[in-house]
Amino acid sequence: MSESTIGYRIKQLREKRKWSQIEFAKKMGINNSVLSRIESGKRPIEDSLISKAADIFNVSSDYLLGRESDSNNRLFVENLFEDQNLGLWFKDIKDASPEKQEELKQFWEFIKQKENKR
């Protein structure tokens, strides 16, 4: 994927959160001029920075690289609930084993039934 696609997606995600380049560069541990060149596609981004950006934005590296057309619905969940911890919780469920997912579904159904009885 081209550097301009990666840079565009980083810029899009940064602006969606209303972070300045300076703010996001600090989170990434890089100079804001480096971030500016990455966002404009003038500088390649190191693999370690792709991973770091993906973690900060709570998206996959594949999304940043343009291998996925959406951000695995993580942004949707994050924006829907405006709670990053909840987005991480959903990610953890998605990454859990099928057995653990089934156990969590059963637990959730139990909680819903308990709430409905009130």
PDB file of N, CA and C in Angstrom:
ATOM      1  N   MET A   1       0.846  -1.176   0.000  1.00  0.00           N
ATOM      2  CA  MET A   1       0.000   0.000   0.000  1.00  0.00           C
ATOM      3  C   MET A   1       0.888   1.234   0.000  1.00  0.00           C
ATOM      4  N   SER A   2       0.418   2.259  -0.612  1.00  0.00           N
ATOM      5  CA  SER A   2       1.241   3.456  -0.742  1.00  0.00           C
ATOM      6  C   SER A   2       1.325   4.217   0.579  1.00  0.00           C
ATOM      7  N   GLU A   3       2.415   4.942   0.710  1.00  0.00           N
ATOM      8  CA  GLU A   3       2.614   5.750   1.916  1.00  0.00           C
ATOM      9  C   GLU A   3       1.532   6.809   2.050  1.00  0.00           C
ATOM     10  N   SER A   4       1.008   7.298   0.907  1.00  0.00           N
ATOM     11  CA  SER A   4      -0.025   8.329   0.984  1.00  0.00           C
ATOM     12  C   SER A   4      -1.318   7.776   1.580  1.00  0.00           C
ATOM     13  N   THR A   5      -1.629   6.494   1.323  1.00  0.00           N
ATOM     14  CA  THR A   5      -2.826   5.885   1.912  1.00  0.00           C
ATOM     15  C   THR A   5      -2.672   5.769   3.417  1.00  0.00           C
ATOM     16  N   ILE A   6      -1.524   5.301   3.853  1.00  0.00           N
ATOM     17  CA  ILE A   6      -1.269   5.173   5.294  1.00  0.00           C
ATOM     18  C   ILE A   6      -1.359   6.552   5.948  1.00  0.00           C
ATOM     19  N   GLY A   7      -0.687   7.512   5.358  1.00  0.00           N
ATOM     20  CA  GLY A   7      -0.703   8.867   5.897  1.00  0.00           C
ATOM     21  C   GLY A   7      -2.097   9.465   5.932  1.00  0.00           C
ATOM     22  N   TYR A   8      -2.858   9.224   4.865  1.00  0.00           N
ATOM     23  CA  TYR A   8      -4.227   9.738   4.798  1.00  0.00           C
ATOM     24  C   TYR A   8      -5.078   9.151   5.914  1.00  0.00           C
ATOM     25  N   ARG A   9      -4.961   7.841   6.129  1.00  0.00           N
ATOM     26  CA  ARG A   9      -5.769   7.201   7.169  1.00  0.00           C
ATOM     27  C   ARG A   9      -5.361   7.681   8.560  1.00  0.00           C
ATOM     28  N   ILE A  10      -4.071   7.852   8.781  1.00  0.00           N
ATOM     29  CA  ILE A  10      -3.616   8.369  10.075  1.00  0.00           C
ATOM     30  C   ILE A  10      -4.178   9.772  10.299  1.00  0.00           C
ATOM     31  N   LYS A  11      -4.080  10.607   9.278  1.00  0.00           N
ATOM     32  CA  LYS A  11      -4.587  11.976   9.387  1.00  0.00           C
ATOM     33  C   LYS A  11      -6.099  11.976   9.644  1.00  0.00           C
ATOM     34  N   GLN A  12      -6.815  11.128   8.924  1.00  0.00           N
ATOM     35  CA  GLN A  12      -8.267  11.029   9.078  1.00  0.00           C
ATOM     36  C   GLN A  12      -8.643  10.631  10.504  1.00  0.00           C
ATOM     37  N   LEU A  13      -7.966   9.631  11.033  1.00  0.00           N
ATOM     38  CA  LEU A  13      -8.248   9.177  12.398  1.00  0.00           C
ATOM     39  C   LEU A  13      -7.865  10.235  13.432  1.00  0.00           C
ATOM     40  N   ARG A  14      -6.733  10.897  13.207  1.00  0.00           N
ATOM     41  CA  ARG A  14      -6.284  11.949  14.132  1.00  0.00           C
ATOM     42  C   ARG A  14      -7.292  13.097  14.162  1.00  0.00           C
ATOM     43  N   GLU A  15      -7.719  13.530  12.993  1.00  0.00           N
ATOM     44  CA  GLU A  15      -8.657  14.649  12.921  1.00  0.00           C
ATOM     45  C   GLU A  15     -10.026  14.277  13.490  1.00  0.00           C
ATOM     46  N   LYS A  16     -10.423  13.027  13.325  1.00  0.00           N
ATOM     47  CA  LYS A  16     -11.704  12.567  13.870  1.00  0.00           C
ATOM     48  C   LYS A  16     -11.713  12.724  15.396  1.00  0.00           C
ATOM     49  N   ARG A  17     -10.549  12.569  15.997  1.00  0.00           N
ATOM     50  CA  ARG A  17     -10.430  12.710  17.452  1.00  0.00           C
ATOM     51  C   ARG A  17     -10.111  14.143  17.875  1.00  0.00           C
ATOM     52  N   LYS A  18     -10.006  15.008  16.872  1.00  0.00           N
ATOM     53  CA  LYS A  18      -9.725  16.435  17.112  1.00  0.00           C
ATOM     54  C   LYS A  18      -8.375  16.648  17.791  1.00  0.00           C
ATOM     55  N   TRP A  19      -7.402  15.806  17.418  1.00  0.00           N
ATOM     56  CA  TRP A  19      -6.047  15.950  17.924  1.00  0.00           C
ATOM     57  C   TRP A  19      -5.230  16.758  16.924  1.00  0.00           C
ATOM     58  N   SER A  20      -4.412  17.657  17.421  1.00  0.00           N
ATOM     59  CA  SER A  20      -3.481  18.364  16.554  1.00  0.00           C
ATOM     60  C   SER A  20      -2.334  17.420  16.200  1.00  0.00           C
ATOM     61  N   GLN A  21      -1.553  17.812  15.198  1.00  0.00           N
ATOM     62  CA  GLN A  21      -0.377  17.010  14.860  1.00  0.00           C
ATOM     63  C   GLN A  21       0.580  16.943  16.044  1.00  0.00           C
ATOM     64  N   ILE A  22       0.698  18.047  16.748  1.00  0.00           N
ATOM     65  CA  ILE A  22       1.604  18.079  17.907  1.00  0.00           C
ATOM     66  C   ILE A  22       1.142  17.096  18.974  1.00  0.00           C
ATOM     67  N   GLU A  23      -0.157  17.083  19.272  1.00  0.00           N
ATOM     68  CA  GLU A  23      -0.688  16.159  20.285  1.00  0.00           C
ATOM     69  C   GLU A  23      -0.436  14.707  19.889  1.00  0.00           C
ATOM     70  N   PHE A  24      -0.775  14.380  18.644  1.00  0.00           N
ATOM     71  CA  PHE A  24      -0.631  12.990  18.216  1.00  0.00           C
ATOM     72  C   PHE A  24       0.837  12.599  18.099  1.00  0.00           C
ATOM     73  N   ALA A  25       1.676  13.508  17.642  1.00  0.00           N
ATOM     74  CA  ALA A  25       3.112  13.220  17.544  1.00  0.00           C
ATOM     75  C   ALA A  25       3.677  12.881  18.926  1.00  0.00           C
ATOM     76  N   LYS A  26       3.230  13.593  19.953  1.00  0.00           N
ATOM     77  CA  LYS A  26       3.681  13.288  21.326  1.00  0.00           C
ATOM     78  C   LYS A  26       3.249  11.892  21.734  1.00  0.00           C
ATOM     79  N   LYS A  27       2.007  11.533  21.415  1.00  0.00           N
ATOM     80  CA  LYS A  27       1.518  10.187  21.744  1.00  0.00           C
ATOM     81  C   LYS A  27       2.341   9.119  21.029  1.00  0.00           C
ATOM     82  N   MET A  28       2.788   9.440  19.817  1.00  0.00           N
ATOM     83  CA  MET A  28       3.567   8.497  19.016  1.00  0.00           C
ATOM     84  C   MET A  28       5.048   8.502  19.397  1.00  0.00           C
ATOM     85  N   GLY A  29       5.483   9.559  20.089  1.00  0.00           N
ATOM     86  CA  GLY A  29       6.893   9.670  20.459  1.00  0.00           C
ATOM     87  C   GLY A  29       7.772  10.100  19.298  1.00  0.00           C
ATOM     88  N   ILE A  30       7.188  10.912  18.395  1.00  0.00           N
ATOM     89  CA  ILE A  30       7.943  11.415  17.238  1.00  0.00           C
ATOM     90  C   ILE A  30       7.769  12.922  17.153  1.00  0.00           C
ATOM     91  N   ASN A  31       8.600  13.539  16.345  1.00  0.00           N
ATOM     92  CA  ASN A  31       8.522  14.978  16.110  1.00  0.00           C
ATOM     93  C   ASN A  31       7.323  15.261  15.216  1.00  0.00           C
ATOM     94  N   ASN A  32       6.649  16.391  15.449  1.00  0.00           N
ATOM     95  CA  ASN A  32       5.473  16.691  14.633  1.00  0.00           C
ATOM     96  C   ASN A  32       5.824  16.929  13.162  1.00  0.00           C
ATOM     97  N   SER A  33       7.048  17.318  12.861  1.00  0.00           N
ATOM     98  CA  SER A  33       7.423  17.468  11.447  1.00  0.00           C
ATOM     99  C   SER A  33       7.519  16.102  10.763  1.00  0.00           C
ATOM    100  N   VAL A  34       7.932  15.087  11.520  1.00  0.00           N
ATOM    101  CA  VAL A  34       7.960  13.714  10.989  1.00  0.00           C
ATOM    102  C   VAL A  34       6.529  13.261  10.715  1.00  0.00           C
ATOM    103  N   LEU A  35       5.619  13.524  11.652  1.00  0.00           N
ATOM    104  CA  LEU A  35       4.220  13.158  11.458  1.00  0.00           C
ATOM    105  C   LEU A  35       3.649  13.870  10.242  1.00  0.00           C
ATOM    106  N   SER A  36       3.961  15.127  10.078  1.00  0.00           N
ATOM    107  CA  SER A  36       3.476  15.884   8.926  1.00  0.00           C
ATOM    108  C   SER A  36       3.903  15.231   7.615  1.00  0.00           C
ATOM    109  N   ARG A  37       5.163  14.810   7.554  1.00  0.00           N
ATOM    110  CA  ARG A  37       5.661  14.167   6.324  1.00  0.00           C
ATOM    111  C   ARG A  37       5.029  12.787   6.117  1.00  0.00           C
ATOM    112  N   ILE A  38       4.757  12.067   7.206  1.00  0.00           N
ATOM    113  CA  ILE A  38       4.082  10.767   7.095  1.00  0.00           C
ATOM    114  C   ILE A  38       2.666  10.979   6.558  1.00  0.00           C
ATOM    115  N   GLU A  39       1.952  11.937   7.143  1.00  0.00           N
ATOM    116  CA  GLU A  39       0.573  12.191   6.718  1.00  0.00           C
ATOM    117  C   GLU A  39       0.486  12.652   5.275  1.00  0.00           C
ATOM    118  N   SER A  40       1.477  13.366   4.813  1.00  0.00           N
ATOM    119  CA  SER A  40       1.450  13.847   3.430  1.00  0.00           C
ATOM    120  C   SER A  40       2.009  12.826   2.442  1.00  0.00           C
ATOM    121  N   GLY A  41       2.482  11.679   2.949  1.00  0.00           N
ATOM    122  CA  GLY A  41       3.005  10.632   2.076  1.00  0.00           C
ATOM    123  C   GLY A  41       4.428  10.878   1.613  1.00  0.00           C
ATOM    124  N   LYS A  42       5.096  11.850   2.218  1.00  0.00           N
ATOM    125  CA  LYS A  42       6.464  12.194   1.818  1.00  0.00           C
ATOM    126  C   LYS A  42       7.520  11.399   2.576  1.00  0.00           C
ATOM    127  N   ARG A  43       7.092  10.676   3.599  1.00  0.00           N
ATOM    128  CA  ARG A  43       8.038   9.893   4.384  1.00  0.00           C
ATOM    129  C   ARG A  43       7.434   8.522   4.666  1.00  0.00           C
ATOM    130  N   PRO A  44       8.203   7.468   4.435  1.00  0.00           N
ATOM    131  CA  PRO A  44       7.687   6.139   4.792  1.00  0.00           C
ATOM    132  C   PRO A  44       7.576   6.017   6.306  1.00  0.00           C
ATOM    133  N   ILE A  45       6.639   5.196   6.732  1.00  0.00           N
ATOM    134  CA  ILE A  45       6.433   5.003   8.166  1.00  0.00           C
ATOM    135  C   ILE A  45       7.000   3.644   8.567  1.00  0.00           C
ATOM    136  N   GLU A  46       7.720   3.634   9.660  1.00  0.00           N
ATOM    137  CA  GLU A  46       8.318   2.391  10.157  1.00  0.00           C
ATOM    138  C   GLU A  46       7.227   1.454  10.661  1.00  0.00           C
ATOM    139  N   ASP A  47       7.491   0.160  10.568  1.00  0.00           N
ATOM    140  CA  ASP A  47       6.519  -0.840  11.020  1.00  0.00           C
ATOM    141  C   ASP A  47       6.126  -0.631  12.480  1.00  0.00           C
ATOM    142  N   SER A  48       7.099  -0.300  13.311  1.00  0.00           N
ATOM    143  CA  SER A  48       6.803  -0.121  14.737  1.00  0.00           C
ATOM    144  C   SER A  48       5.845   1.055  14.952  1.00  0.00           C
ATOM    145  N   LEU A  49       5.939   2.076  14.120  1.00  0.00           N
ATOM    146  CA  LEU A  49       5.039   3.225  14.245  1.00  0.00           C
ATOM    147  C   LEU A  49       3.642   2.894  13.730  1.00  0.00           C
ATOM    148  N   ILE A  50       3.564   2.012  12.734  1.00  0.00           N
ATOM    149  CA  ILE A  50       2.247   1.572  12.260  1.00  0.00           C
ATOM    150  C   ILE A  50       1.524   0.853  13.397  1.00  0.00           C
ATOM    151  N   SER A  51       2.235  -0.046  14.063  1.00  0.00           N
ATOM    152  CA  SER A  51       1.640  -0.783  15.185  1.00  0.00           C
ATOM    153  C   SER A  51       1.234   0.159  16.312  1.00  0.00           C
ATOM    154  N   LYS A  52       2.087   1.117  16.600  1.00  0.00           N
ATOM    155  CA  LYS A  52       1.799   2.059  17.682  1.00  0.00           C
ATOM    156  C   LYS A  52       0.571   2.904  17.344  1.00  0.00           C
ATOM    157  N   ALA A  53       0.496   3.388  16.107  1.00  0.00           N
ATOM    158  CA  ALA A  53      -0.656   4.189  15.685  1.00  0.00           C
ATOM    159  C   ALA A  53      -1.934   3.353  15.741  1.00  0.00           C
ATOM    160  N   ALA A  54      -1.850   2.106  15.296  1.00  0.00           N
ATOM    161  CA  ALA A  54      -3.019   1.224  15.332  1.00  0.00           C
ATOM    162  C   ALA A  54      -3.502   1.036  16.768  1.00  0.00           C
ATOM    163  N   ASP A  55      -2.588   0.851  17.700  1.00  0.00           N
ATOM    164  CA  ASP A  55      -2.954   0.700  19.110  1.00  0.00           C
ATOM    165  C   ASP A  55      -3.600   1.974  19.646  1.00  0.00           C
ATOM    166  N   ILE A  56      -3.015   3.106  19.331  1.00  0.00           N
ATOM    167  CA  ILE A  56      -3.546   4.383  19.826  1.00  0.00           C
ATOM    168  C   ILE A  56      -4.957   4.624  19.286  1.00  0.00           C
ATOM    169  N   PHE A  57      -5.162   4.330  17.992  1.00  0.00           N
ATOM    170  CA  PHE A  57      -6.461   4.560  17.370  1.00  0.00           C
ATOM    171  C   PHE A  57      -7.435   3.407  17.573  1.00  0.00           C
ATOM    172  N   ASN A  58      -6.936   2.301  18.128  1.00  0.00           N
ATOM    173  CA  ASN A  58      -7.757   1.115  18.340  1.00  0.00           C
ATOM    174  C   ASN A  58      -8.316   0.575  17.015  1.00  0.00           C
ATOM    175  N   VAL A  59      -7.442   0.505  16.027  1.00  0.00           N
ATOM    176  CA  VAL A  59      -7.761  -0.098  14.731  1.00  0.00           C
ATOM    177  C   VAL A  59      -6.681  -1.124  14.423  1.00  0.00           C
ATOM    178  N   SER A  60      -6.880  -1.891  13.373  1.00  0.00           N
ATOM    179  CA  SER A  60      -5.861  -2.871  12.995  1.00  0.00           C
ATOM    180  C   SER A  60      -4.787  -2.212  12.135  1.00  0.00           C
ATOM    181  N   SER A  61      -3.609  -2.797  12.155  1.00  0.00           N
ATOM    182  CA  SER A  61      -2.543  -2.338  11.265  1.00  0.00           C
ATOM    183  C   SER A  61      -2.970  -2.500   9.816  1.00  0.00           C
ATOM    184  N   ASP A  62      -3.711  -3.565   9.522  1.00  0.00           N
ATOM    185  CA  ASP A  62      -4.199  -3.785   8.159  1.00  0.00           C
ATOM    186  C   ASP A  62      -5.094  -2.647   7.697  1.00  0.00           C
ATOM    187  N   TYR A  63      -5.882  -2.090   8.600  1.00  0.00           N
ATOM    188  CA  TYR A  63      -6.711  -0.945   8.222  1.00  0.00           C
ATOM    189  C   TYR A  63      -5.823   0.236   7.832  1.00  0.00           C
ATOM    190  N   LEU A  64      -4.825   0.528   8.645  1.00  0.00           N
ATOM    191  CA  LEU A  64      -3.935   1.646   8.329  1.00  0.00           C
ATOM    192  C   LEU A  64      -3.209   1.424   7.009  1.00  0.00           C
ATOM    193  N   LEU A  65      -2.869   0.171   6.740  1.00  0.00           N
ATOM    194  CA  LEU A  65      -2.141  -0.163   5.513  1.00  0.00           C
ATOM    195  C   LEU A  65      -3.042  -0.217   4.284  1.00  0.00           C
ATOM    196  N   GLY A  66      -4.350  -0.118   4.485  1.00  0.00           N
ATOM    197  CA  GLY A  66      -5.278  -0.140   3.369  1.00  0.00           C
ATOM    198  C   GLY A  66      -5.682  -1.537   2.938  1.00  0.00           C
ATOM    199  N   ARG A  67      -5.355  -2.519   3.745  1.00  0.00           N
ATOM    200  CA  ARG A  67      -5.724  -3.904   3.413  1.00  0.00           C
ATOM    201  C   ARG A  67      -7.165  -4.210   3.801  1.00  0.00           C
ATOM    202  N   GLU A  68      -7.752  -3.369   4.642  1.00  0.00           N
ATOM    203  CA  GLU A  68      -9.155  -3.492   5.044  1.00  0.00           C
ATOM    204  C   GLU A  68      -9.839  -2.187   4.701  1.00  0.00           C
ATOM    205  N   SER A  69     -11.081  -2.280   4.244  1.00  0.00           N
ATOM    206  CA  SER A  69     -11.791  -1.059   3.867  1.00  0.00           C
ATOM    207  C   SER A  69     -12.450  -0.369   5.049  1.00  0.00           C
ATOM    208  N   ASP A  70     -12.653  -1.101   6.124  1.00  0.00           N
ATOM    209  CA  ASP A  70     -13.167  -0.457   7.328  1.00  0.00           C
ATOM    210  C   ASP A  70     -12.235  -0.779   8.486  1.00  0.00           C
ATOM    211  N   SER A  71     -12.511  -0.197   9.589  1.00  0.00           N
ATOM    212  CA  SER A  71     -11.619  -0.377  10.736  1.00  0.00           C
ATOM    213  C   SER A  71     -12.127  -1.460  11.670  1.00  0.00           C
ATOM    214  N   ASN A  72     -12.666  -2.527  11.100  1.00  0.00           N
ATOM    215  CA  ASN A  72     -13.182  -3.664  11.879  1.00  0.00           C
ATOM    216  C   ASN A  72     -14.252  -3.235  12.861  1.00  0.00           C
ATOM    217  N   ASN A  73     -14.980  -2.193  12.510  1.00  0.00           N
ATOM    218  CA  ASN A  73     -16.073  -1.684  13.342  1.00  0.00           C
ATOM    219  C   ASN A  73     -15.606  -1.155  14.694  1.00  0.00           C
ATOM    220  N   ARG A  74     -14.311  -1.129  14.928  1.00  0.00           N
ATOM    221  CA  ARG A  74     -13.834  -0.611  16.212  1.00  0.00           C
ATOM    222  C   ARG A  74     -14.146   0.868  16.356  1.00  0.00           C
ATOM    223  N   LEU A  75     -13.991   1.617  15.244  1.00  0.00           N
ATOM    224  CA  LEU A  75     -14.322   3.038  15.322  1.00  0.00           C
ATOM    225  C   LEU A  75     -15.813   3.228  15.547  1.00  0.00           C
ATOM    226  N   PHE A  76     -16.619   2.386  14.914  1.00  0.00           N
ATOM    227  CA  PHE A  76     -18.053   2.469  15.113  1.00  0.00           C
ATOM    228  C   PHE A  76     -18.395   2.273  16.584  1.00  0.00           C
ATOM    229  N   VAL A  77     -17.853   1.246  17.179  1.00  0.00           N
ATOM    230  CA  VAL A  77     -18.115   0.958  18.584  1.00  0.00           C
ATOM    231  C   VAL A  77     -17.618   2.105  19.451  1.00  0.00           C
ATOM    232  N   GLU A  78     -16.406   2.573  19.150  1.00  0.00           N
ATOM    233  CA  GLU A  78     -15.829   3.664  19.940  1.00  0.00           C
ATOM    234  C   GLU A  78     -16.687   4.916  19.851  1.00  0.00           C
ATOM    235  N   ASN A  79     -17.121   5.260  18.648  1.00  0.00           N
ATOM    236  CA  ASN A  79     -17.942   6.458  18.480  1.00  0.00           C
ATOM    237  C   ASN A  79     -19.347   6.269  19.035  1.00  0.00           C
ATOM    238  N   LEU A  80     -19.891   5.087  18.880  1.00  0.00           N
ATOM    239  CA  LEU A  80     -21.235   4.821  19.362  1.00  0.00           C
ATOM    240  C   LEU A  80     -21.316   5.014  20.867  1.00  0.00           C
ATOM    241  N   PHE A  81     -20.373   4.492  21.575  1.00  0.00           N
ATOM    242  CA  PHE A  81     -20.411   4.546  23.028  1.00  0.00           C
ATOM    243  C   PHE A  81     -19.528   5.641  23.618  1.00  0.00           C
ATOM    244  N   GLU A  82     -18.674   6.224  22.790  1.00  0.00           N
ATOM    245  CA  GLU A  82     -17.737   7.254  23.234  1.00  0.00           C
ATOM    246  C   GLU A  82     -16.983   6.821  24.494  1.00  0.00           C
ATOM    247  N   ASP A  83     -16.632   5.567  24.516  1.00  0.00           N
ATOM    248  CA  ASP A  83     -15.906   5.004  25.649  1.00  0.00           C
ATOM    249  C   ASP A  83     -14.872   4.035  25.095  1.00  0.00           C
ATOM    250  N   GLN A  84     -13.613   4.442  25.103  1.00  0.00           N
ATOM    251  CA  GLN A  84     -12.566   3.603  24.526  1.00  0.00           C
ATOM    252  C   GLN A  84     -12.428   2.274  25.258  1.00  0.00           C
ATOM    253  N   ASN A  85     -12.673   2.267  26.554  1.00  0.00           N
ATOM    254  CA  ASN A  85     -12.575   1.011  27.299  1.00  0.00           C
ATOM    255  C   ASN A  85     -13.601  -0.004  26.810  1.00  0.00           C
ATOM    256  N   LEU A  86     -14.794   0.489  26.473  1.00  0.00           N
ATOM    257  CA  LEU A  86     -15.814  -0.404  25.946  1.00  0.00           C
ATOM    258  C   LEU A  86     -15.387  -0.951  24.588  1.00  0.00           C
ATOM    259  N   GLY A  87     -14.781  -0.099  23.764  1.00  0.00           N
ATOM    260  CA  GLY A  87     -14.264  -0.561  22.474  1.00  0.00           C
ATOM    261  C   GLY A  87     -13.212  -1.641  22.657  1.00  0.00           C
ATOM    262  N   LEU A  88     -12.343  -1.471  23.634  1.00  0.00           N
ATOM    263  CA  LEU A  88     -11.326  -2.487  23.920  1.00  0.00           C
ATOM    264  C   LEU A  88     -11.962  -3.771  24.417  1.00  0.00           C
ATOM    265  N   TRP A  89     -13.045  -3.640  25.190  1.00  0.00           N
ATOM    266  CA  TRP A  89     -13.745  -4.813  25.695  1.00  0.00           C
ATOM    267  C   TRP A  89     -14.322  -5.615  24.534  1.00  0.00           C
ATOM    268  N   PHE A  90     -14.936  -4.923  23.569  1.00  0.00           N
ATOM    269  CA  PHE A  90     -15.469  -5.609  22.398  1.00  0.00           C
ATOM    270  C   PHE A  90     -14.355  -6.285  21.603  1.00  0.00           C
ATOM    271  N   LYS A  91     -13.214  -5.638  21.503  1.00  0.00           N
ATOM    272  CA  LYS A  91     -12.075  -6.238  20.804  1.00  0.00           C
ATOM    273  C   LYS A  91     -11.635  -7.513  21.516  1.00  0.00           C
ATOM    274  N   ASP A  92     -11.583  -7.460  22.839  1.00  0.00           N
ATOM    275  CA  ASP A  92     -11.196  -8.638  23.613  1.00  0.00           C
ATOM    276  C   ASP A  92     -12.169  -9.790  23.380  1.00  0.00           C
ATOM    277  N   ILE A  93     -13.454  -9.468  23.311  1.00  0.00           N
ATOM    278  CA  ILE A  93     -14.454 -10.514  23.053  1.00  0.00           C
ATOM    279  C   ILE A  93     -14.233 -11.104  21.661  1.00  0.00           C
ATOM    280  N   LYS A  94     -14.021 -10.233  20.696  1.00  0.00           N
ATOM    281  CA  LYS A  94     -13.799 -10.697  19.315  1.00  0.00           C
ATOM    282  C   LYS A  94     -12.582 -11.617  19.242  1.00  0.00           C
ATOM    283  N   ASP A  95     -11.560 -11.317  19.995  1.00  0.00           N
ATOM    284  CA  ASP A  95     -10.315 -12.085  19.953  1.00  0.00           C
ATOM    285  C   ASP A  95     -10.349 -13.341  20.838  1.00  0.00           C
ATOM    286  N   ALA A  96     -11.410 -13.484  21.633  1.00  0.00           N
ATOM    287  CA  ALA A  96     -11.504 -14.633  22.545  1.00  0.00           C
ATOM    288  C   ALA A  96     -11.799 -15.919  21.761  1.00  0.00           C
ATOM    289  N   SER A  97     -11.532 -17.037  22.395  1.00  0.00           N
ATOM    290  CA  SER A  97     -11.828 -18.329  21.779  1.00  0.00           C
ATOM    291  C   SER A  97     -13.346 -18.469  21.620  1.00  0.00           C
ATOM    292  N   PRO A  98     -13.792 -19.318  20.678  1.00  0.00           N
ATOM    293  CA  PRO A  98     -15.234 -19.532  20.510  1.00  0.00           C
ATOM    294  C   PRO A  98     -15.913 -20.002  21.801  1.00  0.00           C
ATOM    295  N   GLU A  99     -15.231 -20.819  22.567  1.00  0.00           N
ATOM    296  CA  GLU A  99     -15.799 -21.301  23.830  1.00  0.00           C
ATOM    297  C   GLU A  99     -15.994 -20.148  24.805  1.00  0.00           C
ATOM    298  N   LYS A 100     -14.990 -19.290  24.905  1.00  0.00           N
ATOM    299  CA  LYS A 100     -15.074 -18.139  25.809  1.00  0.00           C
ATOM    300  C   LYS A 100     -16.153 -17.161  25.329  1.00  0.00           C
ATOM    301  N   GLN A 101     -16.269 -16.977  24.013  1.00  0.00           N
ATOM    302  CA  GLN A 101     -17.317 -16.105  23.475  1.00  0.00           C
ATOM    303  C   GLN A 101     -18.701 -16.627  23.849  1.00  0.00           C
ATOM    304  N   GLU A 102     -18.898 -17.931  23.723  1.00  0.00           N
ATOM    305  CA  GLU A 102     -20.190 -18.528  24.074  1.00  0.00           C
ATOM    306  C   GLU A 102     -20.480 -18.339  25.562  1.00  0.00           C
ATOM    307  N   GLU A 103     -19.481 -18.526  26.381  1.00  0.00           N
ATOM    308  CA  GLU A 103     -19.635 -18.330  27.823  1.00  0.00           C
ATOM    309  C   GLU A 103     -20.029 -16.880  28.133  1.00  0.00           C
ATOM    310  N   LEU A 104     -19.390 -15.930  27.456  1.00  0.00           N
ATOM    311  CA  LEU A 104     -19.711 -14.517  27.666  1.00  0.00           C
ATOM    312  C   LEU A 104     -21.119 -14.186  27.180  1.00  0.00           C
ATOM    313  N   LYS A 105     -21.542 -14.781  26.062  1.00  0.00           N
ATOM    314  CA  LYS A 105     -22.904 -14.567  25.570  1.00  0.00           C
ATOM    315  C   LYS A 105     -23.919 -15.065  26.592  1.00  0.00           C
ATOM    316  N   GLN A 106     -23.672 -16.252  27.154  1.00  0.00           N
ATOM    317  CA  GLN A 106     -24.584 -16.805  28.151  1.00  0.00           C
ATOM    318  C   GLN A 106     -24.641 -15.912  29.391  1.00  0.00           C
ATOM    319  N   PHE A 107     -23.488 -15.400  29.792  1.00  0.00           N
ATOM    320  CA  PHE A 107     -23.439 -14.497  30.945  1.00  0.00           C
ATOM    321  C   PHE A 107     -24.224 -13.220  30.653  1.00  0.00           C
ATOM    322  N   TRP A 108     -24.080 -12.684  29.459  1.00  0.00           N
ATOM    323  CA  TRP A 108     -24.782 -11.465  29.066  1.00  0.00           C
ATOM    324  C   TRP A 108     -26.294 -11.702  29.057  1.00  0.00           C
ATOM    325  N   GLU A 109     -26.726 -12.846  28.543  1.00  0.00           N
ATOM    326  CA  GLU A 109     -28.147 -13.176  28.537  1.00  0.00           C
ATOM    327  C   GLU A 109     -28.685 -13.254  29.967  1.00  0.00           C
ATOM    328  N   PHE A 110     -27.897 -13.823  30.857  1.00  0.00           N
ATOM    329  CA  PHE A 110     -28.281 -13.903  32.268  1.00  0.00           C
ATOM    330  C   PHE A 110     -28.484 -12.499  32.854  1.00  0.00           C
ATOM    331  N   ILE A 111     -27.560 -11.610  32.558  1.00  0.00           N
ATOM    332  CA  ILE A 111     -27.660 -10.229  33.061  1.00  0.00           C
ATOM    333  C   ILE A 111     -28.905  -9.548  32.498  1.00  0.00           C
ATOM    334  N   LYS A 112     -29.159  -9.718  31.213  1.00  0.00           N
ATOM    335  CA  LYS A 112     -30.341  -9.102  30.594  1.00  0.00           C
ATOM    336  C   LYS A 112     -31.629  -9.628  31.215  1.00  0.00           C
ATOM    337  N   GLN A 113     -31.698 -10.945  31.433  1.00  0.00           N
ATOM    338  CA  GLN A 113     -32.885 -11.529  32.054  1.00  0.00           C
ATOM    339  C   GLN A 113     -33.096 -10.985  33.464  1.00  0.00           C
ATOM    340  N   LYS A 114     -32.015 -10.854  34.190  1.00  0.00           N
ATOM    341  CA  LYS A 114     -32.081 -10.327  35.558  1.00  0.00           C
ATOM    342  C   LYS A 114     -32.601  -8.887  35.543  1.00  0.00           C
ATOM    343  N   GLU A 115     -32.123  -8.082  34.602  1.00  0.00           N
ATOM    344  CA  GLU A 115     -32.563  -6.690  34.477  1.00  0.00           C
ATOM    345  C   GLU A 115     -34.037  -6.607  34.088  1.00  0.00           C
ATOM    346  N   ASN A 116     -34.485  -7.507  33.220  1.00  0.00           N
ATOM    347  CA  ASN A 116     -35.884  -7.496  32.769  1.00  0.00           C
ATOM    348  C   ASN A 116     -36.859  -7.849  33.885  1.00  0.00           C
ATOM    349  N   LYS A 117     -36.391  -8.565  34.878  1.00  0.00           N
ATOM    350  CA  LYS A 117     -37.252  -8.966  36.002  1.00  0.00           C
ATOM    351  C   LYS A 117     -37.455  -7.832  36.996  1.00  0.00           C
ATOM    352  N   ARG A 118     -36.651  -6.807  36.899  1.00  0.00           N
ATOM    353  CA  ARG A 118     -36.756  -5.683  37.865  1.00  0.00           C
ATOM    354  C   ARG A 118     -37.915  -4.798  37.574  1.00  0.00           C
TER     355      ARG A 118
END
